[in-house]
Amino acid sequence: MQTWHQGRSLVHARLVQESMGLDRFLASAVADVPRVPGVAVFLTARPQQVPHALLHNLKHNRVLHERVVFLTAVPRDVPHVDAEDSAEIRDLTAGCYSVKVYLGFKDSYDIADIARTLDRQFEFKIEPSETSFFLSRETVLAGRPGGMADWRERFFGWMMRSAQPASDFFRIPSNRVIEIGTQIVI
């Protein structure tokens, strides 16, 4: 457990170090990028930062979808979250939205259920069968001084590769998932 906790902390620190603030991104990059039809959902644990999957997608494809949703699932230490407190939606600008979904430990983390809740409570539509879901997949590499012992870094890398993918956890339709990888040296 200590290896998992410390490894996640090291990965988080590296991702923060290499990231761009969402406000800065929206102010500079969004206006000049060609848009394509459709909805793109970027799952992110850090809603104030641009997901690495978005940066890599933009770097390689040079387009954004006409509607971009940054989706963050926030677990709560209660069995169920009341429907009226289940989400926050912020219109960021230029067709971009920040959506935080609050879920209790007995609530459904299924993306179809989340989409129904957003539509029912907030009239915010996400159709899972027509949406592209972009996920970041981090591959951990050992070798940066100041991290963990080399064997623990390799063990943590194995643990990360063995962990359940977010696409399975949220039951996102497999034909709608686009995983974009990032190598992280810890």
N, C-alpha and C. Protein backbone atom coordinates (compact mmCIF):
# COMPACT_ATOMS: atom_id res chain seq x y z
N MET A 1 0.83 -1.19 0.00
CA MET A 1 0.00 0.00 0.00
C MET A 1 0.87 1.25 0.00
N GLN A 2 1.98 1.20 0.72
CA GLN A 2 2.88 2.35 0.77
C GLN A 2 3.47 2.62 -0.62
N THR A 3 3.82 1.57 -1.33
CA THR A 3 4.35 1.73 -2.68
C THR A 3 3.31 2.38 -3.59
N TRP A 4 2.07 1.92 -3.51
CA TRP A 4 0.99 2.49 -4.33
C TRP A 4 0.79 3.96 -3.99
N HIS A 5 0.68 4.27 -2.71
CA HIS A 5 0.44 5.65 -2.27
C HIS A 5 1.58 6.58 -2.69
N GLN A 6 2.81 6.17 -2.44
CA GLN A 6 3.95 7.01 -2.78
C GLN A 6 4.11 7.13 -4.30
N GLY A 7 3.89 6.04 -5.01
CA GLY A 7 3.97 6.07 -6.46
C GLY A 7 2.94 7.00 -7.08
N ARG A 8 1.70 6.94 -6.58
CA ARG A 8 0.64 7.83 -7.08
C ARG A 8 1.01 9.29 -6.81
N SER A 9 1.60 9.55 -5.63
CA SER A 9 2.02 10.92 -5.30
C SER A 9 3.10 11.40 -6.27
N LEU A 10 4.05 10.53 -6.59
CA LEU A 10 5.11 10.90 -7.52
C LEU A 10 4.56 11.15 -8.93
N VAL A 11 3.65 10.30 -9.38
CA VAL A 11 3.02 10.48 -10.69
C VAL A 11 2.24 11.79 -10.71
N HIS A 12 1.46 12.04 -9.67
CA HIS A 12 0.67 13.28 -9.59
C HIS A 12 1.60 14.50 -9.66
N ALA A 13 2.68 14.48 -8.91
CA ALA A 13 3.62 15.61 -8.91
C ALA A 13 4.21 15.83 -10.30
N ARG A 14 4.58 14.76 -11.00
CA ARG A 14 5.14 14.90 -12.35
C ARG A 14 4.09 15.44 -13.32
N LEU A 15 2.86 14.96 -13.21
CA LEU A 15 1.81 15.43 -14.11
C LEU A 15 1.52 16.92 -13.88
N VAL A 16 1.49 17.33 -12.62
CA VAL A 16 1.27 18.75 -12.31
C VAL A 16 2.42 19.58 -12.86
N GLN A 17 3.64 19.09 -12.69
CA GLN A 17 4.82 19.80 -13.16
C GLN A 17 4.81 20.00 -14.67
N GLU A 18 4.30 19.03 -15.40
CA GLU A 18 4.31 19.06 -16.86
C GLU A 18 3.00 19.56 -17.47
N SER A 19 2.07 20.05 -16.64
CA SER A 19 0.75 20.40 -17.15
C SER A 19 0.63 21.89 -17.44
N MET A 20 -0.49 22.22 -18.05
CA MET A 20 -0.84 23.60 -18.36
C MET A 20 -2.15 23.92 -17.65
N GLY A 21 -2.25 25.12 -17.12
CA GLY A 21 -3.49 25.54 -16.47
C GLY A 21 -4.63 25.66 -17.48
N LEU A 22 -5.81 25.26 -17.07
CA LEU A 22 -6.96 25.28 -17.96
C LEU A 22 -7.31 26.70 -18.39
N ASP A 23 -7.26 27.65 -17.48
CA ASP A 23 -7.59 29.04 -17.81
C ASP A 23 -6.65 29.58 -18.89
N ARG A 24 -5.36 29.32 -18.74
CA ARG A 24 -4.37 29.77 -19.73
C ARG A 24 -4.62 29.13 -21.09
N PHE A 25 -4.93 27.83 -21.09
CA PHE A 25 -5.23 27.12 -22.33
C PHE A 25 -6.44 27.72 -23.02
N LEU A 26 -7.51 27.94 -22.26
CA LEU A 26 -8.74 28.47 -22.85
C LEU A 26 -8.54 29.88 -23.40
N ALA A 27 -7.72 30.67 -22.72
CA ALA A 27 -7.48 32.05 -23.17
C ALA A 27 -6.64 32.12 -24.43
N SER A 28 -5.78 31.13 -24.65
CA SER A 28 -4.85 31.24 -25.76
C SER A 28 -5.13 30.29 -26.92
N ALA A 29 -5.36 29.05 -26.64
CA ALA A 29 -5.35 28.04 -27.71
C ALA A 29 -6.70 27.79 -28.36
N VAL A 30 -7.79 27.91 -27.63
CA VAL A 30 -9.09 27.47 -28.13
C VAL A 30 -9.55 28.27 -29.34
N ALA A 31 -9.32 29.57 -29.35
CA ALA A 31 -9.84 30.42 -30.43
C ALA A 31 -9.23 30.10 -31.79
N ASP A 32 -8.00 29.63 -31.83
CA ASP A 32 -7.31 29.43 -33.10
C ASP A 32 -7.38 28.00 -33.63
N VAL A 33 -8.04 27.11 -32.94
CA VAL A 33 -8.04 25.70 -33.32
C VAL A 33 -9.30 25.37 -34.13
N PRO A 34 -9.15 24.69 -35.26
CA PRO A 34 -10.34 24.27 -36.02
C PRO A 34 -11.20 23.32 -35.18
N ARG A 35 -12.52 23.41 -35.38
CA ARG A 35 -13.46 22.58 -34.63
C ARG A 35 -14.10 21.56 -35.56
N VAL A 36 -14.36 20.38 -35.01
CA VAL A 36 -15.05 19.32 -35.74
C VAL A 36 -16.35 19.01 -35.02
N PRO A 37 -17.36 18.50 -35.74
CA PRO A 37 -18.64 18.21 -35.09
C PRO A 37 -18.51 17.13 -34.03
N GLY A 38 -19.38 17.22 -33.01
CA GLY A 38 -19.45 16.18 -32.00
C GLY A 38 -19.06 16.65 -30.61
N VAL A 39 -19.13 15.69 -29.69
CA VAL A 39 -18.82 15.94 -28.28
C VAL A 39 -17.62 15.09 -27.89
N ALA A 40 -16.67 15.72 -27.22
CA ALA A 40 -15.51 15.01 -26.68
C ALA A 40 -15.52 15.19 -25.17
N VAL A 41 -15.44 14.08 -24.45
CA VAL A 41 -15.36 14.11 -22.98
C VAL A 41 -13.96 13.67 -22.59
N PHE A 42 -13.31 14.52 -21.81
CA PHE A 42 -11.98 14.22 -21.30
C PHE A 42 -12.12 13.95 -19.81
N LEU A 43 -11.91 12.70 -19.40
CA LEU A 43 -11.94 12.38 -17.97
C LEU A 43 -10.67 12.91 -17.33
N THR A 44 -10.83 13.60 -16.21
CA THR A 44 -9.68 14.19 -15.55
C THR A 44 -9.88 14.21 -14.04
N ALA A 45 -8.82 13.98 -13.32
CA ALA A 45 -8.86 14.07 -11.85
C ALA A 45 -8.47 15.47 -11.39
N ARG A 46 -7.92 16.27 -12.31
CA ARG A 46 -7.46 17.62 -11.98
C ARG A 46 -8.19 18.62 -12.87
N PRO A 47 -9.38 19.08 -12.44
CA PRO A 47 -10.20 19.93 -13.31
C PRO A 47 -9.60 21.31 -13.60
N GLN A 48 -8.62 21.75 -12.85
CA GLN A 48 -8.01 23.07 -13.09
C GLN A 48 -6.86 22.98 -14.10
N GLN A 49 -6.54 21.78 -14.57
CA GLN A 49 -5.45 21.59 -15.53
C GLN A 49 -5.96 20.94 -16.80
N VAL A 50 -5.27 21.21 -17.89
CA VAL A 50 -5.63 20.60 -19.17
C VAL A 50 -5.22 19.14 -19.13
N PRO A 51 -6.14 18.22 -19.43
CA PRO A 51 -5.77 16.80 -19.45
C PRO A 51 -4.69 16.53 -20.51
N HIS A 52 -3.76 15.66 -20.19
CA HIS A 52 -2.70 15.31 -21.13
C HIS A 52 -3.28 14.73 -22.42
N ALA A 53 -4.39 14.01 -22.31
CA ALA A 53 -5.01 13.45 -23.52
C ALA A 53 -5.44 14.55 -24.47
N LEU A 54 -5.92 15.67 -23.96
CA LEU A 54 -6.32 16.79 -24.82
C LEU A 54 -5.10 17.42 -25.49
N LEU A 55 -4.05 17.63 -24.72
CA LEU A 55 -2.84 18.23 -25.30
C LEU A 55 -2.26 17.35 -26.39
N HIS A 56 -2.20 16.03 -26.15
CA HIS A 56 -1.66 15.12 -27.16
C HIS A 56 -2.58 15.02 -28.38
N ASN A 57 -3.88 15.00 -28.15
CA ASN A 57 -4.82 14.96 -29.26
C ASN A 57 -4.69 16.22 -30.11
N LEU A 58 -4.58 17.36 -29.46
CA LEU A 58 -4.43 18.63 -30.16
C LEU A 58 -3.11 18.69 -30.93
N LYS A 59 -2.05 18.16 -30.31
CA LYS A 59 -0.74 18.16 -30.96
C LYS A 59 -0.75 17.31 -32.23
N HIS A 60 -1.40 16.14 -32.18
CA HIS A 60 -1.35 15.22 -33.31
C HIS A 60 -2.47 15.45 -34.33
N ASN A 61 -3.67 15.81 -33.88
CA ASN A 61 -4.81 15.94 -34.80
C ASN A 61 -5.14 17.39 -35.15
N ARG A 62 -4.67 18.34 -34.33
CA ARG A 62 -4.83 19.78 -34.58
C ARG A 62 -6.28 20.23 -34.70
N VAL A 63 -7.19 19.55 -33.96
CA VAL A 63 -8.60 19.95 -33.94
C VAL A 63 -9.18 19.73 -32.55
N LEU A 64 -10.27 20.43 -32.30
CA LEU A 64 -11.09 20.21 -31.11
C LEU A 64 -12.51 19.92 -31.57
N HIS A 65 -13.23 19.17 -30.76
CA HIS A 65 -14.65 18.95 -31.05
C HIS A 65 -15.41 20.25 -30.77
N GLU A 66 -16.60 20.38 -31.36
CA GLU A 66 -17.36 21.61 -31.15
C GLU A 66 -17.83 21.75 -29.69
N ARG A 67 -17.95 20.64 -28.99
CA ARG A 67 -18.29 20.68 -27.57
C ARG A 67 -17.28 19.81 -26.82
N VAL A 68 -16.58 20.43 -25.85
CA VAL A 68 -15.55 19.74 -25.09
C VAL A 68 -15.95 19.76 -23.62
N VAL A 69 -15.98 18.57 -23.01
CA VAL A 69 -16.39 18.44 -21.61
C VAL A 69 -15.23 17.86 -20.82
N PHE A 70 -14.85 18.57 -19.76
CA PHE A 70 -13.85 18.07 -18.81
C PHE A 70 -14.62 17.48 -17.65
N LEU A 71 -14.64 16.15 -17.55
CA LEU A 71 -15.46 15.44 -16.56
C LEU A 71 -14.60 14.92 -15.42
N THR A 72 -14.98 15.32 -14.21
CA THR A 72 -14.30 14.87 -13.00
C THR A 72 -15.31 14.18 -12.10
N ALA A 73 -15.03 12.95 -11.70
CA ALA A 73 -15.87 12.24 -10.73
C ALA A 73 -15.25 12.44 -9.35
N VAL A 74 -16.06 12.97 -8.44
CA VAL A 74 -15.59 13.26 -7.08
C VAL A 74 -16.31 12.32 -6.12
N PRO A 75 -15.58 11.35 -5.55
CA PRO A 75 -16.24 10.43 -4.61
C PRO A 75 -16.52 11.11 -3.27
N ARG A 76 -17.65 10.77 -2.69
CA ARG A 76 -18.03 11.28 -1.37
C ARG A 76 -18.11 10.11 -0.38
N ASP A 77 -17.91 10.40 0.89
CA ASP A 77 -17.96 9.37 1.94
C ASP A 77 -19.37 9.18 2.47
N VAL A 78 -20.32 9.10 1.57
CA VAL A 78 -21.72 8.84 1.93
C VAL A 78 -22.23 7.77 0.96
N PRO A 79 -23.28 7.03 1.35
CA PRO A 79 -23.79 6.01 0.43
C PRO A 79 -24.32 6.60 -0.89
N HIS A 80 -25.11 7.66 -0.79
CA HIS A 80 -25.70 8.28 -1.98
C HIS A 80 -25.63 9.80 -1.86
N VAL A 81 -25.41 10.45 -2.98
CA VAL A 81 -25.43 11.91 -3.04
C VAL A 81 -26.80 12.33 -3.56
N ASP A 82 -27.42 13.31 -2.89
CA ASP A 82 -28.73 13.80 -3.34
C ASP A 82 -28.64 14.33 -4.76
N ALA A 83 -29.71 14.13 -5.52
CA ALA A 83 -29.72 14.50 -6.94
C ALA A 83 -29.38 15.97 -7.15
N GLU A 84 -29.92 16.84 -6.29
CA GLU A 84 -29.67 18.28 -6.48
C GLU A 84 -28.23 18.68 -6.17
N ASP A 85 -27.51 17.84 -5.45
CA ASP A 85 -26.10 18.11 -5.14
C ASP A 85 -25.15 17.22 -5.94
N SER A 86 -25.65 16.58 -6.99
CA SER A 86 -24.88 15.55 -7.68
C SER A 86 -23.89 16.06 -8.71
N ALA A 87 -23.97 17.34 -9.07
CA ALA A 87 -23.04 17.82 -10.11
C ALA A 87 -22.91 19.34 -10.07
N GLU A 88 -21.81 19.81 -10.62
CA GLU A 88 -21.56 21.23 -10.89
C GLU A 88 -21.16 21.31 -12.35
N ILE A 89 -21.78 22.23 -13.07
CA ILE A 89 -21.44 22.43 -14.47
C ILE A 89 -21.06 23.89 -14.66
N ARG A 90 -19.87 24.10 -15.20
CA ARG A 90 -19.39 25.46 -15.50
C ARG A 90 -19.18 25.60 -16.99
N ASP A 91 -19.78 26.63 -17.57
CA ASP A 91 -19.53 26.96 -18.97
C ASP A 91 -18.23 27.75 -19.00
N LEU A 92 -17.18 27.17 -19.56
CA LEU A 92 -15.85 27.79 -19.53
C LEU A 92 -15.69 28.83 -20.64
N THR A 93 -16.18 28.57 -21.78
CA THR A 93 -16.17 29.46 -22.94
C THR A 93 -15.95 28.61 -24.19
N ALA A 94 -16.36 29.13 -25.31
CA ALA A 94 -16.08 28.51 -26.62
C ALA A 94 -16.47 27.03 -26.70
N GLY A 95 -17.62 26.68 -26.14
CA GLY A 95 -18.07 25.29 -26.23
C GLY A 95 -17.38 24.33 -25.29
N CYS A 96 -16.66 24.85 -24.29
CA CYS A 96 -15.97 24.01 -23.30
C CYS A 96 -16.68 24.09 -21.96
N TYR A 97 -16.79 22.94 -21.29
CA TYR A 97 -17.50 22.86 -20.02
C TYR A 97 -16.69 22.05 -19.02
N SER A 98 -16.75 22.49 -17.77
CA SER A 98 -16.18 21.72 -16.67
C SER A 98 -17.34 21.11 -15.91
N VAL A 99 -17.33 19.78 -15.80
CA VAL A 99 -18.42 19.07 -15.12
C VAL A 99 -17.81 18.25 -14.00
N LYS A 100 -18.24 18.54 -12.77
CA LYS A 100 -17.86 17.73 -11.61
C LYS A 100 -19.10 16.95 -11.19
N VAL A 101 -18.94 15.64 -11.11
CA VAL A 101 -20.02 14.76 -10.69
C VAL A 101 -19.66 14.22 -9.32
N TYR A 102 -20.56 14.39 -8.35
CA TYR A 102 -20.33 13.93 -6.99
C TYR A 102 -21.09 12.62 -6.79
N LEU A 103 -20.37 11.58 -6.37
CA LEU A 103 -20.96 10.25 -6.26
C LEU A 103 -20.65 9.63 -4.91
N GLY A 104 -21.67 9.02 -4.31
CA GLY A 104 -21.48 8.27 -3.08
C GLY A 104 -20.94 6.88 -3.39
N PHE A 105 -20.53 6.16 -2.35
CA PHE A 105 -19.92 4.85 -2.60
C PHE A 105 -20.92 3.80 -3.07
N LYS A 106 -22.23 4.06 -2.98
CA LYS A 106 -23.23 3.14 -3.52
C LYS A 106 -23.87 3.67 -4.80
N ASP A 107 -23.48 4.86 -5.23
CA ASP A 107 -24.00 5.42 -6.47
C ASP A 107 -23.35 4.73 -7.67
N SER A 108 -24.02 4.83 -8.80
CA SER A 108 -23.50 4.22 -10.02
C SER A 108 -22.45 5.12 -10.65
N TYR A 109 -21.32 4.52 -10.99
CA TYR A 109 -20.26 5.21 -11.71
C TYR A 109 -20.34 4.92 -13.21
N ASP A 110 -21.42 4.30 -13.64
CA ASP A 110 -21.65 3.98 -15.04
C ASP A 110 -21.89 5.28 -15.81
N ILE A 111 -21.18 5.49 -16.91
CA ILE A 111 -21.27 6.74 -17.67
C ILE A 111 -22.68 6.98 -18.19
N ALA A 112 -23.42 5.92 -18.53
CA ALA A 112 -24.80 6.09 -18.99
C ALA A 112 -25.68 6.65 -17.88
N ASP A 113 -25.49 6.17 -16.64
CA ASP A 113 -26.25 6.70 -15.51
C ASP A 113 -25.86 8.14 -15.20
N ILE A 114 -24.57 8.43 -15.29
CA ILE A 114 -24.10 9.80 -15.07
C ILE A 114 -24.72 10.73 -16.12
N ALA A 115 -24.73 10.30 -17.37
CA ALA A 115 -25.30 11.11 -18.45
C ALA A 115 -26.79 11.35 -18.22
N ARG A 116 -27.53 10.32 -17.77
CA ARG A 116 -28.96 10.50 -17.49
C ARG A 116 -29.17 11.51 -16.35
N THR A 117 -28.35 11.43 -15.33
CA THR A 117 -28.46 12.38 -14.20
C THR A 117 -28.19 13.80 -14.68
N LEU A 118 -27.15 14.00 -15.47
CA LEU A 118 -26.84 15.34 -15.99
C LEU A 118 -27.97 15.88 -16.84
N ASP A 119 -28.58 15.03 -17.64
CA ASP A 119 -29.69 15.46 -18.49
C ASP A 119 -30.93 15.77 -17.65
N ARG A 120 -31.27 14.88 -16.73
CA ARG A 120 -32.47 15.04 -15.91
C ARG A 120 -32.37 16.25 -14.97
N GLN A 121 -31.24 16.41 -14.30
CA GLN A 121 -31.10 17.47 -13.30
C GLN A 121 -30.69 18.82 -13.89
N PHE A 122 -29.93 18.80 -14.97
CA PHE A 122 -29.32 20.04 -15.46
C PHE A 122 -29.58 20.30 -16.94
N GLU A 123 -30.31 19.39 -17.62
CA GLU A 123 -30.55 19.49 -19.06
C GLU A 123 -29.24 19.63 -19.83
N PHE A 124 -28.24 18.89 -19.38
CA PHE A 124 -26.93 18.86 -20.01
C PHE A 124 -26.78 17.50 -20.66
N LYS A 125 -26.82 17.45 -21.98
CA LYS A 125 -26.87 16.18 -22.69
C LYS A 125 -25.49 15.67 -23.10
N ILE A 126 -25.25 14.41 -22.74
CA ILE A 126 -24.11 13.65 -23.24
C ILE A 126 -24.67 12.29 -23.63
N GLU A 127 -24.60 11.96 -24.89
CA GLU A 127 -25.09 10.67 -25.38
C GLU A 127 -23.89 9.73 -25.50
N PRO A 128 -23.73 8.77 -24.55
CA PRO A 128 -22.54 7.92 -24.57
C PRO A 128 -22.27 7.20 -25.89
N SER A 129 -23.32 6.82 -26.60
CA SER A 129 -23.11 6.08 -27.85
C SER A 129 -22.68 6.98 -29.00
N GLU A 130 -22.70 8.31 -28.80
CA GLU A 130 -22.31 9.24 -29.86
C GLU A 130 -21.16 10.16 -29.45
N THR A 131 -20.62 9.95 -28.26
CA THR A 131 -19.58 10.81 -27.70
C THR A 131 -18.23 10.12 -27.77
N SER A 132 -17.18 10.91 -28.00
CA SER A 132 -15.81 10.37 -27.94
C SER A 132 -15.27 10.64 -26.55
N PHE A 133 -14.82 9.58 -25.87
CA PHE A 133 -14.27 9.70 -24.52
C PHE A 133 -12.75 9.54 -24.60
N PHE A 134 -12.05 10.60 -24.23
CA PHE A 134 -10.59 10.59 -24.28
C PHE A 134 -10.06 10.34 -22.88
N LEU A 135 -9.18 9.35 -22.78
CA LEU A 135 -8.60 8.99 -21.49
C LEU A 135 -7.08 9.04 -21.60
N SER A 136 -6.45 9.52 -20.55
CA SER A 136 -4.99 9.48 -20.48
C SER A 136 -4.58 8.17 -19.86
N ARG A 137 -3.56 7.55 -20.43
CA ARG A 137 -3.00 6.34 -19.84
C ARG A 137 -1.54 6.61 -19.58
N GLU A 138 -1.17 6.59 -18.29
CA GLU A 138 0.21 6.85 -17.91
C GLU A 138 0.98 5.54 -17.84
N THR A 139 2.15 5.52 -18.48
CA THR A 139 3.08 4.41 -18.36
C THR A 139 4.23 4.90 -17.49
N VAL A 140 4.44 4.22 -16.38
CA VAL A 140 5.45 4.64 -15.41
C VAL A 140 6.78 4.00 -15.74
N LEU A 141 7.82 4.83 -15.80
CA LEU A 141 9.18 4.36 -16.04
C LEU A 141 10.03 4.73 -14.83
N ALA A 142 10.88 3.80 -14.40
CA ALA A 142 11.78 4.06 -13.27
C ALA A 142 13.00 4.81 -13.77
N GLY A 143 13.64 5.55 -12.85
CA GLY A 143 14.91 6.14 -13.24
C GLY A 143 15.16 7.55 -12.80
N ARG A 144 14.21 8.23 -12.24
CA ARG A 144 14.44 9.61 -11.82
C ARG A 144 14.97 9.61 -10.39
N PRO A 145 16.08 10.28 -10.12
CA PRO A 145 16.61 10.31 -8.76
C PRO A 145 15.64 11.03 -7.81
N GLY A 146 15.63 10.58 -6.58
CA GLY A 146 14.79 11.22 -5.57
C GLY A 146 13.41 10.62 -5.43
N GLY A 147 13.12 9.58 -6.19
CA GLY A 147 11.82 8.94 -6.08
C GLY A 147 11.87 7.81 -5.06
N MET A 148 11.47 6.63 -5.47
CA MET A 148 11.52 5.46 -4.62
C MET A 148 12.72 4.62 -5.02
N ALA A 149 12.94 3.57 -4.27
CA ALA A 149 13.98 2.61 -4.66
C ALA A 149 13.61 2.05 -6.03
N ASP A 150 14.61 1.71 -6.81
CA ASP A 150 14.40 1.26 -8.18
C ASP A 150 13.43 0.08 -8.25
N TRP A 151 13.56 -0.91 -7.36
CA TRP A 151 12.68 -2.07 -7.39
C TRP A 151 11.24 -1.66 -7.09
N ARG A 152 11.06 -0.65 -6.19
CA ARG A 152 9.70 -0.19 -5.87
C ARG A 152 9.09 0.56 -7.05
N GLU A 153 9.91 1.32 -7.77
CA GLU A 153 9.40 2.01 -8.95
C GLU A 153 8.95 1.02 -10.02
N ARG A 154 9.73 -0.04 -10.23
CA ARG A 154 9.33 -1.06 -11.19
C ARG A 154 8.06 -1.79 -10.73
N PHE A 155 7.99 -2.08 -9.43
CA PHE A 155 6.81 -2.72 -8.86
C PHE A 155 5.59 -1.83 -9.02
N PHE A 156 5.75 -0.54 -8.76
CA PHE A 156 4.64 0.40 -8.93
C PHE A 156 4.21 0.46 -10.41
N GLY A 157 5.16 0.45 -11.33
CA GLY A 157 4.82 0.43 -12.75
C GLY A 157 3.98 -0.79 -13.10
N TRP A 158 4.34 -1.95 -12.53
CA TRP A 158 3.55 -3.17 -12.75
C TRP A 158 2.14 -2.99 -12.17
N MET A 159 2.05 -2.40 -10.98
CA MET A 159 0.74 -2.17 -10.35
C MET A 159 -0.13 -1.27 -11.23
N MET A 160 0.46 -0.23 -11.78
CA MET A 160 -0.30 0.69 -12.65
C MET A 160 -0.81 -0.04 -13.89
N ARG A 161 0.03 -0.87 -14.49
CA ARG A 161 -0.39 -1.62 -15.68
C ARG A 161 -1.49 -2.61 -15.35
N SER A 162 -1.52 -3.10 -14.11
CA SER A 162 -2.50 -4.10 -13.70
C SER A 162 -3.80 -3.50 -13.17
N ALA A 163 -3.83 -2.21 -12.94
CA ALA A 163 -5.02 -1.55 -12.38
C ALA A 163 -6.15 -1.54 -13.40
N GLN A 164 -7.38 -1.50 -12.88
CA GLN A 164 -8.55 -1.45 -13.75
C GLN A 164 -8.57 -0.14 -14.54
N PRO A 165 -8.72 -0.21 -15.86
CA PRO A 165 -8.77 1.02 -16.65
C PRO A 165 -10.03 1.83 -16.33
N ALA A 166 -9.92 3.15 -16.44
CA ALA A 166 -11.06 4.03 -16.19
C ALA A 166 -12.24 3.70 -17.10
N SER A 167 -11.95 3.28 -18.32
CA SER A 167 -13.02 2.94 -19.26
C SER A 167 -13.88 1.79 -18.75
N ASP A 168 -13.27 0.82 -18.07
CA ASP A 168 -14.03 -0.28 -17.47
C ASP A 168 -14.77 0.19 -16.23
N PHE A 169 -14.09 0.97 -15.38
CA PHE A 169 -14.69 1.43 -14.13
C PHE A 169 -15.95 2.26 -14.40
N PHE A 170 -15.91 3.12 -15.42
CA PHE A 170 -17.06 3.96 -15.74
C PHE A 170 -17.98 3.32 -16.78
N ARG A 171 -17.66 2.11 -17.20
CA ARG A 171 -18.46 1.36 -18.18
C ARG A 171 -18.73 2.18 -19.44
N ILE A 172 -17.67 2.77 -19.95
CA ILE A 172 -17.78 3.54 -21.18
C ILE A 172 -17.80 2.56 -22.34
N PRO A 173 -18.70 2.75 -23.31
CA PRO A 173 -18.72 1.83 -24.46
C PRO A 173 -17.34 1.75 -25.11
N SER A 174 -16.84 0.54 -25.27
CA SER A 174 -15.46 0.35 -25.75
C SER A 174 -15.21 0.95 -27.12
N ASN A 175 -16.23 1.04 -27.95
CA ASN A 175 -16.04 1.62 -29.28
C ASN A 175 -16.06 3.14 -29.27
N ARG A 176 -16.19 3.75 -28.08
CA ARG A 176 -16.22 5.21 -27.96
C ARG A 176 -15.00 5.75 -27.21
N VAL A 177 -14.09 4.86 -26.80
CA VAL A 177 -12.93 5.24 -25.98
C VAL A 177 -11.70 5.46 -26.85
N ILE A 178 -11.01 6.56 -26.57
CA ILE A 178 -9.73 6.84 -27.21
C ILE A 178 -8.74 7.05 -26.08
N GLU A 179 -7.78 6.13 -25.95
CA GLU A 179 -6.75 6.26 -24.91
C GLU A 179 -5.49 6.84 -25.52
N ILE A 180 -4.98 7.85 -24.86
CA ILE A 180 -3.75 8.49 -25.32
C ILE A 180 -2.73 8.35 -24.20
N GLY A 181 -1.59 7.76 -24.53
CA GLY A 181 -0.59 7.43 -23.53
C GLY A 181 0.43 8.52 -23.30
N THR A 182 0.94 8.53 -22.06
CA THR A 182 2.00 9.42 -21.64
C THR A 182 2.98 8.61 -20.83
N GLN A 183 4.27 8.78 -21.09
CA GLN A 183 5.28 8.11 -20.27
C GLN A 183 5.72 9.06 -19.18
N ILE A 184 5.71 8.55 -17.95
CA ILE A 184 6.08 9.33 -16.78
C ILE A 184 7.30 8.68 -16.13
N VAL A 185 8.39 9.42 -15.99
CA VAL A 185 9.57 8.91 -15.33
C VAL A 185 9.51 9.39 -13.88
N ILE A 186 9.51 8.41 -12.95
CA ILE A 186 9.47 8.79 -11.53
C ILE A 186 10.78 8.44 -10.85
